[in-house]
Amino acid sequence: MKQTVYLSDFRQAFKDMNRQDQFSYDGLEALFNMLENRYFEYELDVIALCCDYTEATLEEVADNYGVSEKAVIAYLEYNTWFEELPNGSFLYQNF
């Protein structure tokens, strides 16, 4: 059985799993859009998404990976998929 999930359902699934603080409002929308655009069929697994993707500020990415703040975008481009969010943070696939 398959179920169509809309953005509001996607957000609710994170709340239902007590993961509503894992990503920002912008981060959840970007993650939803990426999944919708990349995968024809995707089985929603909130915990897996929380393990596979991270949202972090420029400073946090720089600190976590030991790169300068000026080099963060180039570093992410080289290593993974990412999106810069309207709130100034980055959503990226862990690598």
PDB file of N, CA and C in Angstrom:
ATOM      1  N   MET A   1       0.840  -1.169   0.000  1.00  0.00           N
ATOM      2  CA  MET A   1       0.000   0.000   0.000  1.00  0.00           C
ATOM      3  C   MET A   1       0.892   1.241   0.000  1.00  0.00           C
ATOM      4  N   LYS A   2       0.528   2.214  -0.798  1.00  0.00           N
ATOM      5  CA  LYS A   2       1.299   3.449  -0.882  1.00  0.00           C
ATOM      6  C   LYS A   2       0.426   4.618  -0.475  1.00  0.00           C
ATOM      7  N   GLN A   3       1.076   5.631   0.053  1.00  0.00           N
ATOM      8  CA  GLN A   3       0.364   6.820   0.498  1.00  0.00           C
ATOM      9  C   GLN A   3       1.095   8.041  -0.033  1.00  0.00           C
ATOM     10  N   THR A   4       0.359   8.961  -0.594  1.00  0.00           N
ATOM     11  CA  THR A   4       0.943  10.219  -1.031  1.00  0.00           C
ATOM     12  C   THR A   4       1.163  11.098   0.194  1.00  0.00           C
ATOM     13  N   VAL A   5       2.341  11.657   0.285  1.00  0.00           N
ATOM     14  CA  VAL A   5       2.687  12.510   1.420  1.00  0.00           C
ATOM     15  C   VAL A   5       2.907  13.923   0.901  1.00  0.00           C
ATOM     16  N   TYR A   6       2.213  14.853   1.491  1.00  0.00           N
ATOM     17  CA  TYR A   6       2.377  16.262   1.155  1.00  0.00           C
ATOM     18  C   TYR A   6       3.301  16.900   2.186  1.00  0.00           C
ATOM     19  N   LEU A   7       3.740  18.113   1.907  1.00  0.00           N
ATOM     20  CA  LEU A   7       4.677  18.784   2.806  1.00  0.00           C
ATOM     21  C   LEU A   7       4.143  18.838   4.236  1.00  0.00           C
ATOM     22  N   SER A   8       2.876  19.129   4.407  1.00  0.00           N
ATOM     23  CA  SER A   8       2.310  19.192   5.766  1.00  0.00           C
ATOM     24  C   SER A   8       2.364  17.826   6.452  1.00  0.00           C
ATOM     25  N   ASP A   9       2.141  16.746   5.690  1.00  0.00           N
ATOM     26  CA  ASP A   9       2.241  15.390   6.243  1.00  0.00           C
ATOM     27  C   ASP A   9       3.688  15.073   6.620  1.00  0.00           C
ATOM     28  N   PHE A  10       4.602  15.526   5.786  1.00  0.00           N
ATOM     29  CA  PHE A  10       6.034  15.319   6.013  1.00  0.00           C
ATOM     30  C   PHE A  10       6.443  15.986   7.322  1.00  0.00           C
ATOM     31  N   ARG A  11       6.035  17.237   7.488  1.00  0.00           N
ATOM     32  CA  ARG A  11       6.346  17.954   8.734  1.00  0.00           C
ATOM     33  C   ARG A  11       5.731  17.230   9.940  1.00  0.00           C
ATOM     34  N   GLN A  12       4.507  16.767   9.791  1.00  0.00           N
ATOM     35  CA  GLN A  12       3.818  16.073  10.875  1.00  0.00           C
ATOM     36  C   GLN A  12       4.514  14.769  11.247  1.00  0.00           C
ATOM     37  N   ALA A  13       5.051  14.082  10.258  1.00  0.00           N
ATOM     38  CA  ALA A  13       5.759  12.822  10.518  1.00  0.00           C
ATOM     39  C   ALA A  13       6.959  13.064  11.433  1.00  0.00           C
ATOM     40  N   PHE A  14       7.652  14.185  11.257  1.00  0.00           N
ATOM     41  CA  PHE A  14       8.775  14.517  12.125  1.00  0.00           C
ATOM     42  C   PHE A  14       8.284  14.827  13.538  1.00  0.00           C
ATOM     43  N   LYS A  15       7.166  15.523  13.639  1.00  0.00           N
ATOM     44  CA  LYS A  15       6.591  15.803  14.961  1.00  0.00           C
ATOM     45  C   LYS A  15       6.175  14.515  15.647  1.00  0.00           C
ATOM     46  N   ASP A  16       5.544  13.632  14.895  1.00  0.00           N
ATOM     47  CA  ASP A  16       5.072  12.368  15.462  1.00  0.00           C
ATOM     48  C   ASP A  16       6.214  11.514  16.000  1.00  0.00           C
ATOM     49  N   MET A  17       7.412  11.672  15.429  1.00  0.00           N
ATOM     50  CA  MET A  17       8.579  10.905  15.865  1.00  0.00           C
ATOM     51  C   MET A  17       9.447  11.701  16.850  1.00  0.00           C
ATOM     52  N   ASN A  18       8.909  12.821  17.342  1.00  0.00           N
ATOM     53  CA  ASN A  18       9.645  13.711  18.256  1.00  0.00           C
ATOM     54  C   ASN A  18      10.961  14.197  17.657  1.00  0.00           C
ATOM     55  N   ARG A  19      10.943  14.446  16.361  1.00  0.00           N
ATOM     56  CA  ARG A  19      12.125  14.954  15.655  1.00  0.00           C
ATOM     57  C   ARG A  19      11.846  16.322  15.044  1.00  0.00           C
ATOM     58  N   GLN A  20      10.883  17.046  15.578  1.00  0.00           N
ATOM     59  CA  GLN A  20      10.494  18.334  15.016  1.00  0.00           C
ATOM     60  C   GLN A  20      11.595  19.384  15.106  1.00  0.00           C
ATOM     61  N   ASP A  21      12.572  19.173  15.967  1.00  0.00           N
ATOM     62  CA  ASP A  21      13.672  20.126  16.103  1.00  0.00           C
ATOM     63  C   ASP A  21      14.923  19.709  15.337  1.00  0.00           C
ATOM     64  N   GLN A  22      14.854  18.611  14.622  1.00  0.00           N
ATOM     65  CA  GLN A  22      16.016  18.114  13.872  1.00  0.00           C
ATOM     66  C   GLN A  22      16.381  19.067  12.727  1.00  0.00           C
ATOM     67  N   PHE A  23      15.365  19.636  12.087  1.00  0.00           N
ATOM     68  CA  PHE A  23      15.555  20.557  10.966  1.00  0.00           C
ATOM     69  C   PHE A  23      14.668  21.769  11.169  1.00  0.00           C
ATOM     70  N   SER A  24      15.085  22.881  10.619  1.00  0.00           N
ATOM     71  CA  SER A  24      14.270  24.086  10.685  1.00  0.00           C
ATOM     72  C   SER A  24      13.081  23.951   9.733  1.00  0.00           C
ATOM     73  N   TYR A  25      12.197  24.909   9.784  1.00  0.00           N
ATOM     74  CA  TYR A  25      11.046  24.948   8.880  1.00  0.00           C
ATOM     75  C   TYR A  25      11.542  24.936   7.432  1.00  0.00           C
ATOM     76  N   ASP A  26      12.525  25.791   7.128  1.00  0.00           N
ATOM     77  CA  ASP A  26      13.111  25.842   5.781  1.00  0.00           C
ATOM     78  C   ASP A  26      13.825  24.537   5.434  1.00  0.00           C
ATOM     79  N   GLY A  27      14.501  23.957   6.425  1.00  0.00           N
ATOM     80  CA  GLY A  27      15.235  22.714   6.195  1.00  0.00           C
ATOM     81  C   GLY A  27      14.320  21.560   5.828  1.00  0.00           C
ATOM     82  N   LEU A  28      13.190  21.447   6.517  1.00  0.00           N
ATOM     83  CA  LEU A  28      12.238  20.372   6.204  1.00  0.00           C
ATOM     84  C   LEU A  28      11.656  20.545   4.806  1.00  0.00           C
ATOM     85  N   GLU A  29      11.375  21.775   4.434  1.00  0.00           N
ATOM     86  CA  GLU A  29      10.836  22.012   3.089  1.00  0.00           C
ATOM     87  C   GLU A  29      11.868  21.671   2.021  1.00  0.00           C
ATOM     88  N   ALA A  30      13.106  22.051   2.225  1.00  0.00           N
ATOM     89  CA  ALA A  30      14.163  21.729   1.269  1.00  0.00           C
ATOM     90  C   ALA A  30      14.373  20.220   1.170  1.00  0.00           C
ATOM     91  N   LEU A  31      14.341  19.541   2.307  1.00  0.00           N
ATOM     92  CA  LEU A  31      14.506  18.090   2.323  1.00  0.00           C
ATOM     93  C   LEU A  31      13.352  17.422   1.583  1.00  0.00           C
ATOM     94  N   PHE A  32      12.143  17.857   1.843  1.00  0.00           N
ATOM     95  CA  PHE A  32      10.962  17.321   1.160  1.00  0.00           C
ATOM     96  C   PHE A  32      11.080  17.522  -0.356  1.00  0.00           C
ATOM     97  N   ASN A  33      11.431  18.727  -0.769  1.00  0.00           N
ATOM     98  CA  ASN A  33      11.546  19.023  -2.202  1.00  0.00           C
ATOM     99  C   ASN A  33      12.638  18.194  -2.862  1.00  0.00           C
ATOM    100  N   MET A  34      13.758  18.020  -2.180  1.00  0.00           N
ATOM    101  CA  MET A  34      14.844  17.214  -2.734  1.00  0.00           C
ATOM    102  C   MET A  34      14.380  15.772  -2.921  1.00  0.00           C
ATOM    103  N   LEU A  35      13.729  15.206  -1.920  1.00  0.00           N
ATOM    104  CA  LEU A  35      13.253  13.819  -2.019  1.00  0.00           C
ATOM    105  C   LEU A  35      12.234  13.679  -3.138  1.00  0.00           C
ATOM    106  N   GLU A  36      11.350  14.649  -3.249  1.00  0.00           N
ATOM    107  CA  GLU A  36      10.314  14.613  -4.276  1.00  0.00           C
ATOM    108  C   GLU A  36      10.920  14.703  -5.679  1.00  0.00           C
ATOM    109  N   ASN A  37      11.978  15.494  -5.826  1.00  0.00           N
ATOM    110  CA  ASN A  37      12.613  15.677  -7.136  1.00  0.00           C
ATOM    111  C   ASN A  37      13.574  14.553  -7.509  1.00  0.00           C
ATOM    112  N   ARG A  38      14.188  13.939  -6.533  1.00  0.00           N
ATOM    113  CA  ARG A  38      15.189  12.900  -6.789  1.00  0.00           C
ATOM    114  C   ARG A  38      14.621  11.497  -6.919  1.00  0.00           C
ATOM    115  N   TYR A  39      13.574  11.220  -6.182  1.00  0.00           N
ATOM    116  CA  TYR A  39      13.078   9.853  -6.088  1.00  0.00           C
ATOM    117  C   TYR A  39      11.626   9.779  -6.549  1.00  0.00           C
ATOM    118  N   PHE A  40      11.363   8.882  -7.503  1.00  0.00           N
ATOM    119  CA  PHE A  40      10.001   8.680  -7.976  1.00  0.00           C
ATOM    120  C   PHE A  40       9.155   8.083  -6.866  1.00  0.00           C
ATOM    121  N   GLU A  41       9.707   7.116  -6.187  1.00  0.00           N
ATOM    122  CA  GLU A  41       9.038   6.500  -5.049  1.00  0.00           C
ATOM    123  C   GLU A  41      10.009   6.517  -3.879  1.00  0.00           C
ATOM    124  N   TYR A  42       9.536   6.968  -2.753  1.00  0.00           N
ATOM    125  CA  TYR A  42      10.384   7.013  -1.567  1.00  0.00           C
ATOM    126  C   TYR A  42       9.537   6.603  -0.375  1.00  0.00           C
ATOM    127  N   GLU A  43      10.046   5.675   0.398  1.00  0.00           N
ATOM    128  CA  GLU A  43       9.364   5.256   1.618  1.00  0.00           C
ATOM    129  C   GLU A  43       9.852   6.135   2.757  1.00  0.00           C
ATOM    130  N   LEU A  44       8.957   6.918   3.312  1.00  0.00           N
ATOM    131  CA  LEU A  44       9.321   7.884   4.346  1.00  0.00           C
ATOM    132  C   LEU A  44       9.839   7.178   5.590  1.00  0.00           C
ATOM    133  N   ASP A  45      11.059   7.533   5.967  1.00  0.00           N
ATOM    134  CA  ASP A  45      11.699   7.005   7.169  1.00  0.00           C
ATOM    135  C   ASP A  45      12.360   8.188   7.873  1.00  0.00           C
ATOM    136  N   VAL A  46      11.668   8.754   8.823  1.00  0.00           N
ATOM    137  CA  VAL A  46      12.121   9.958   9.514  1.00  0.00           C
ATOM    138  C   VAL A  46      13.473   9.740  10.183  1.00  0.00           C
ATOM    139  N   ILE A  47      13.643   8.626  10.857  1.00  0.00           N
ATOM    140  CA  ILE A  47      14.910   8.368  11.564  1.00  0.00           C
ATOM    141  C   ILE A  47      16.069   8.269  10.577  1.00  0.00           C
ATOM    142  N   ALA A  48      15.864   7.590   9.472  1.00  0.00           N
ATOM    143  CA  ALA A  48      16.919   7.484   8.453  1.00  0.00           C
ATOM    144  C   ALA A  48      17.278   8.862   7.913  1.00  0.00           C
ATOM    145  N   LEU A  49      16.291   9.697   7.669  1.00  0.00           N
ATOM    146  CA  LEU A  49      16.568  11.047   7.172  1.00  0.00           C
ATOM    147  C   LEU A  49      17.360  11.847   8.198  1.00  0.00           C
ATOM    148  N   CYS A  50      17.031  11.675   9.470  1.00  0.00           N
ATOM    149  CA  CYS A  50      17.767  12.373  10.526  1.00  0.00           C
ATOM    150  C   CYS A  50      19.216  11.896  10.613  1.00  0.00           C
ATOM    151  N   CYS A  51      19.456  10.653  10.247  1.00  0.00           N
ATOM    152  CA  CYS A  51      20.819  10.112  10.242  1.00  0.00           C
ATOM    153  C   CYS A  51      21.584  10.496   8.977  1.00  0.00           C
ATOM    154  N   ASP A  52      20.873  10.641   7.883  1.00  0.00           N
ATOM    155  CA  ASP A  52      21.513  10.853   6.581  1.00  0.00           C
ATOM    156  C   ASP A  52      21.717  12.316   6.208  1.00  0.00           C
ATOM    157  N   TYR A  53      20.990  13.229   6.843  1.00  0.00           N
ATOM    158  CA  TYR A  53      21.054  14.652   6.493  1.00  0.00           C
ATOM    159  C   TYR A  53      21.257  15.490   7.739  1.00  0.00           C
ATOM    160  N   THR A  54      21.933  16.612   7.555  1.00  0.00           N
ATOM    161  CA  THR A  54      22.220  17.535   8.647  1.00  0.00           C
ATOM    162  C   THR A  54      21.911  18.943   8.189  1.00  0.00           C
ATOM    163  N   GLU A  55      21.422  19.741   9.111  1.00  0.00           N
ATOM    164  CA  GLU A  55      21.283  21.171   8.873  1.00  0.00           C
ATOM    165  C   GLU A  55      22.215  21.868   9.851  1.00  0.00           C
ATOM    166  N   ALA A  56      23.046  22.756   9.338  1.00  0.00           N
ATOM    167  CA  ALA A  56      24.022  23.434  10.186  1.00  0.00           C
ATOM    168  C   ALA A  56      24.324  24.817   9.628  1.00  0.00           C
ATOM    169  N   THR A  57      24.766  25.693  10.503  1.00  0.00           N
ATOM    170  CA  THR A  57      25.180  27.032  10.080  1.00  0.00           C
ATOM    171  C   THR A  57      26.546  26.942   9.413  1.00  0.00           C
ATOM    172  N   LEU A  58      26.919  28.014   8.764  1.00  0.00           N
ATOM    173  CA  LEU A  58      28.236  28.098   8.131  1.00  0.00           C
ATOM    174  C   LEU A  58      29.335  27.832   9.161  1.00  0.00           C
ATOM    175  N   GLU A  59      29.205  28.438  10.316  1.00  0.00           N
ATOM    176  CA  GLU A  59      30.200  28.281  11.375  1.00  0.00           C
ATOM    177  C   GLU A  59      30.274  26.833  11.862  1.00  0.00           C
ATOM    178  N   GLU A  60      29.117  26.200  12.013  1.00  0.00           N
ATOM    179  CA  GLU A  60      29.093  24.809  12.470  1.00  0.00           C
ATOM    180  C   GLU A  60      29.731  23.867  11.450  1.00  0.00           C
ATOM    181  N   VAL A  61      29.449  24.084  10.180  1.00  0.00           N
ATOM    182  CA  VAL A  61      30.060  23.246   9.140  1.00  0.00           C
ATOM    183  C   VAL A  61      31.574  23.440   9.164  1.00  0.00           C
ATOM    184  N   ALA A  62      32.011  24.687   9.242  1.00  0.00           N
ATOM    185  CA  ALA A  62      33.449  24.971   9.294  1.00  0.00           C
ATOM    186  C   ALA A  62      34.104  24.277  10.479  1.00  0.00           C
ATOM    187  N   ASP A  63      33.490  24.367  11.641  1.00  0.00           N
ATOM    188  CA  ASP A  63      34.032  23.736  12.843  1.00  0.00           C
ATOM    189  C   ASP A  63      34.010  22.205  12.737  1.00  0.00           C
ATOM    190  N   ASN A  64      32.913  21.659  12.252  1.00  0.00           N
ATOM    191  CA  ASN A  64      32.775  20.201  12.176  1.00  0.00           C
ATOM    192  C   ASN A  64      33.763  19.554  11.222  1.00  0.00           C
ATOM    193  N   TYR A  65      34.127  20.259  10.160  1.00  0.00           N
ATOM    194  CA  TYR A  65      34.995  19.660   9.141  1.00  0.00           C
ATOM    195  C   TYR A  65      36.377  20.299   9.063  1.00  0.00           C
ATOM    196  N   GLY A  66      36.656  21.226   9.950  1.00  0.00           N
ATOM    197  CA  GLY A  66      37.993  21.813  10.011  1.00  0.00           C
ATOM    198  C   GLY A  66      38.369  22.601   8.774  1.00  0.00           C
ATOM    199  N   VAL A  67      37.420  23.333   8.221  1.00  0.00           N
ATOM    200  CA  VAL A  67      37.705  24.186   7.067  1.00  0.00           C
ATOM    201  C   VAL A  67      37.384  25.623   7.443  1.00  0.00           C
ATOM    202  N   SER A  68      37.923  26.547   6.688  1.00  0.00           N
ATOM    203  CA  SER A  68      37.620  27.950   6.954  1.00  0.00           C
ATOM    204  C   SER A  68      36.191  28.249   6.511  1.00  0.00           C
ATOM    205  N   GLU A  69      35.622  29.292   7.085  1.00  0.00           N
ATOM    206  CA  GLU A  69      34.265  29.668   6.707  1.00  0.00           C
ATOM    207  C   GLU A  69      34.187  30.039   5.229  1.00  0.00           C
ATOM    208  N   LYS A  70      35.254  30.600   4.688  1.00  0.00           N
ATOM    209  CA  LYS A  70      35.288  30.952   3.263  1.00  0.00           C
ATOM    210  C   LYS A  70      35.268  29.717   2.371  1.00  0.00           C
ATOM    211  N   ALA A  71      35.741  28.589   2.884  1.00  0.00           N
ATOM    212  CA  ALA A  71      35.864  27.374   2.076  1.00  0.00           C
ATOM    213  C   ALA A  71      34.674  26.422   2.219  1.00  0.00           C
ATOM    214  N   VAL A  72      33.697  26.753   3.048  1.00  0.00           N
ATOM    215  CA  VAL A  72      32.591  25.825   3.330  1.00  0.00           C
ATOM    216  C   VAL A  72      31.835  25.423   2.071  1.00  0.00           C
ATOM    217  N   ILE A  73      31.431  26.383   1.261  1.00  0.00           N
ATOM    218  CA  ILE A  73      30.634  26.056   0.073  1.00  0.00           C
ATOM    219  C   ILE A  73      31.427  25.169  -0.876  1.00  0.00           C
ATOM    220  N   ALA A  74      32.666  25.500  -1.133  1.00  0.00           N
ATOM    221  CA  ALA A  74      33.496  24.670  -2.019  1.00  0.00           C
ATOM    222  C   ALA A  74      33.680  23.279  -1.437  1.00  0.00           C
ATOM    223  N   TYR A  75      33.856  23.194  -0.133  1.00  0.00           N
ATOM    224  CA  TYR A  75      34.024  21.904   0.531  1.00  0.00           C
ATOM    225  C   TYR A  75      32.775  21.041   0.385  1.00  0.00           C
ATOM    226  N   LEU A  76      31.613  21.636   0.620  1.00  0.00           N
ATOM    227  CA  LEU A  76      30.364  20.889   0.477  1.00  0.00           C
ATOM    228  C   LEU A  76      30.117  20.498  -0.979  1.00  0.00           C
ATOM    229  N   GLU A  77      30.390  21.404  -1.912  1.00  0.00           N
ATOM    230  CA  GLU A  77      30.211  21.089  -3.338  1.00  0.00           C
ATOM    231  C   GLU A  77      31.053  19.889  -3.743  1.00  0.00           C
ATOM    232  N   TYR A  78      32.236  19.804  -3.218  1.00  0.00           N
ATOM    233  CA  TYR A  78      33.154  18.723  -3.577  1.00  0.00           C
ATOM    234  C   TYR A  78      32.736  17.389  -2.952  1.00  0.00           C
ATOM    235  N   ASN A  79      32.155  17.431  -1.761  1.00  0.00           N
ATOM    236  CA  ASN A  79      31.918  16.207  -1.000  1.00  0.00           C
ATOM    237  C   ASN A  79      30.498  15.670  -0.986  1.00  0.00           C
ATOM    238  N   THR A  80      29.496  16.491  -1.272  1.00  0.00           N
ATOM    239  CA  THR A  80      28.128  16.022  -1.049  1.00  0.00           C
ATOM    240  C   THR A  80      27.111  16.898  -1.739  1.00  0.00           C
ATOM    241  N   TRP A  81      25.854  16.458  -1.648  1.00  0.00           N
ATOM    242  CA  TRP A  81      24.732  17.304  -2.059  1.00  0.00           C
ATOM    243  C   TRP A  81      24.438  18.247  -0.906  1.00  0.00           C
ATOM    244  N   PHE A  82      24.145  19.512  -1.230  1.00  0.00           N
ATOM    245  CA  PHE A  82      23.753  20.455  -0.194  1.00  0.00           C
ATOM    246  C   PHE A  82      22.881  21.545  -0.790  1.00  0.00           C
ATOM    247  N   GLU A  83      22.211  22.238   0.083  1.00  0.00           N
ATOM    248  CA  GLU A  83      21.423  23.398  -0.316  1.00  0.00           C
ATOM    249  C   GLU A  83      21.564  24.459   0.751  1.00  0.00           C
ATOM    250  N   GLU A  84      21.829  25.678   0.315  1.00  0.00           N
ATOM    251  CA  GLU A  84      21.852  26.795   1.255  1.00  0.00           C
ATOM    252  C   GLU A  84      20.409  27.242   1.444  1.00  0.00           C
ATOM    253  N   LEU A  85      19.995  27.386   2.682  1.00  0.00           N
ATOM    254  CA  LEU A  85      18.607  27.677   3.009  1.00  0.00           C
ATOM    255  C   LEU A  85      18.373  29.171   3.198  1.00  0.00           C
ATOM    256  N   PRO A  86      17.129  29.615   3.028  1.00  0.00           N
ATOM    257  CA  PRO A  86      16.815  31.035   3.220  1.00  0.00           C
ATOM    258  C   PRO A  86      17.193  31.562   4.608  1.00  0.00           C
ATOM    259  N   ASN A  87      17.218  30.671   5.605  1.00  0.00           N
ATOM    260  CA  ASN A  87      17.575  31.106   6.960  1.00  0.00           C
ATOM    261  C   ASN A  87      19.087  31.216   7.169  1.00  0.00           C
ATOM    262  N   GLY A  88      19.869  30.965   6.100  1.00  0.00           N
ATOM    263  CA  GLY A  88      21.319  31.114   6.175  1.00  0.00           C
ATOM    264  C   GLY A  88      22.072  29.851   6.540  1.00  0.00           C
ATOM    265  N   SER A  89      21.375  28.796   6.906  1.00  0.00           N
ATOM    266  CA  SER A  89      22.053  27.542   7.230  1.00  0.00           C
ATOM    267  C   SER A  89      22.159  26.663   5.974  1.00  0.00           C
ATOM    268  N   PHE A  90      22.791  25.524   6.136  1.00  0.00           N
ATOM    269  CA  PHE A  90      22.986  24.582   5.030  1.00  0.00           C
ATOM    270  C   PHE A  90      22.347  23.256   5.395  1.00  0.00           C
ATOM    271  N   LEU A  91      21.660  22.686   4.437  1.00  0.00           N
ATOM    272  CA  LEU A  91      21.139  21.319   4.555  1.00  0.00           C
ATOM    273  C   LEU A  91      22.026  20.486   3.660  1.00  0.00           C
ATOM    274  N   TYR A  92      22.603  19.413   4.214  1.00  0.00           N
ATOM    275  CA  TYR A  92      23.479  18.598   3.385  1.00  0.00           C
ATOM    276  C   TYR A  92      23.376  17.121   3.759  1.00  0.00           C
ATOM    277  N   GLN A  93      23.715  16.305   2.775  1.00  0.00           N
ATOM    278  CA  GLN A  93      23.737  14.860   2.993  1.00  0.00           C
ATOM    279  C   GLN A  93      25.050  14.521   3.695  1.00  0.00           C
ATOM    280  N   ASN A  94      24.957  13.795   4.791  1.00  0.00           N
ATOM    281  CA  ASN A  94      26.159  13.437   5.533  1.00  0.00           C
ATOM    282  C   ASN A  94      27.092  12.599   4.674  1.00  0.00           C
ATOM    283  N   PHE A  95      28.369  12.782   4.886  1.00  0.00           N
ATOM    284  CA  PHE A  95      29.383  12.066   4.106  1.00  0.00           C
ATOM    285  C   PHE A  95      30.522  11.634   4.996  1.00  0.00           C
TER     286      PHE A  95
END
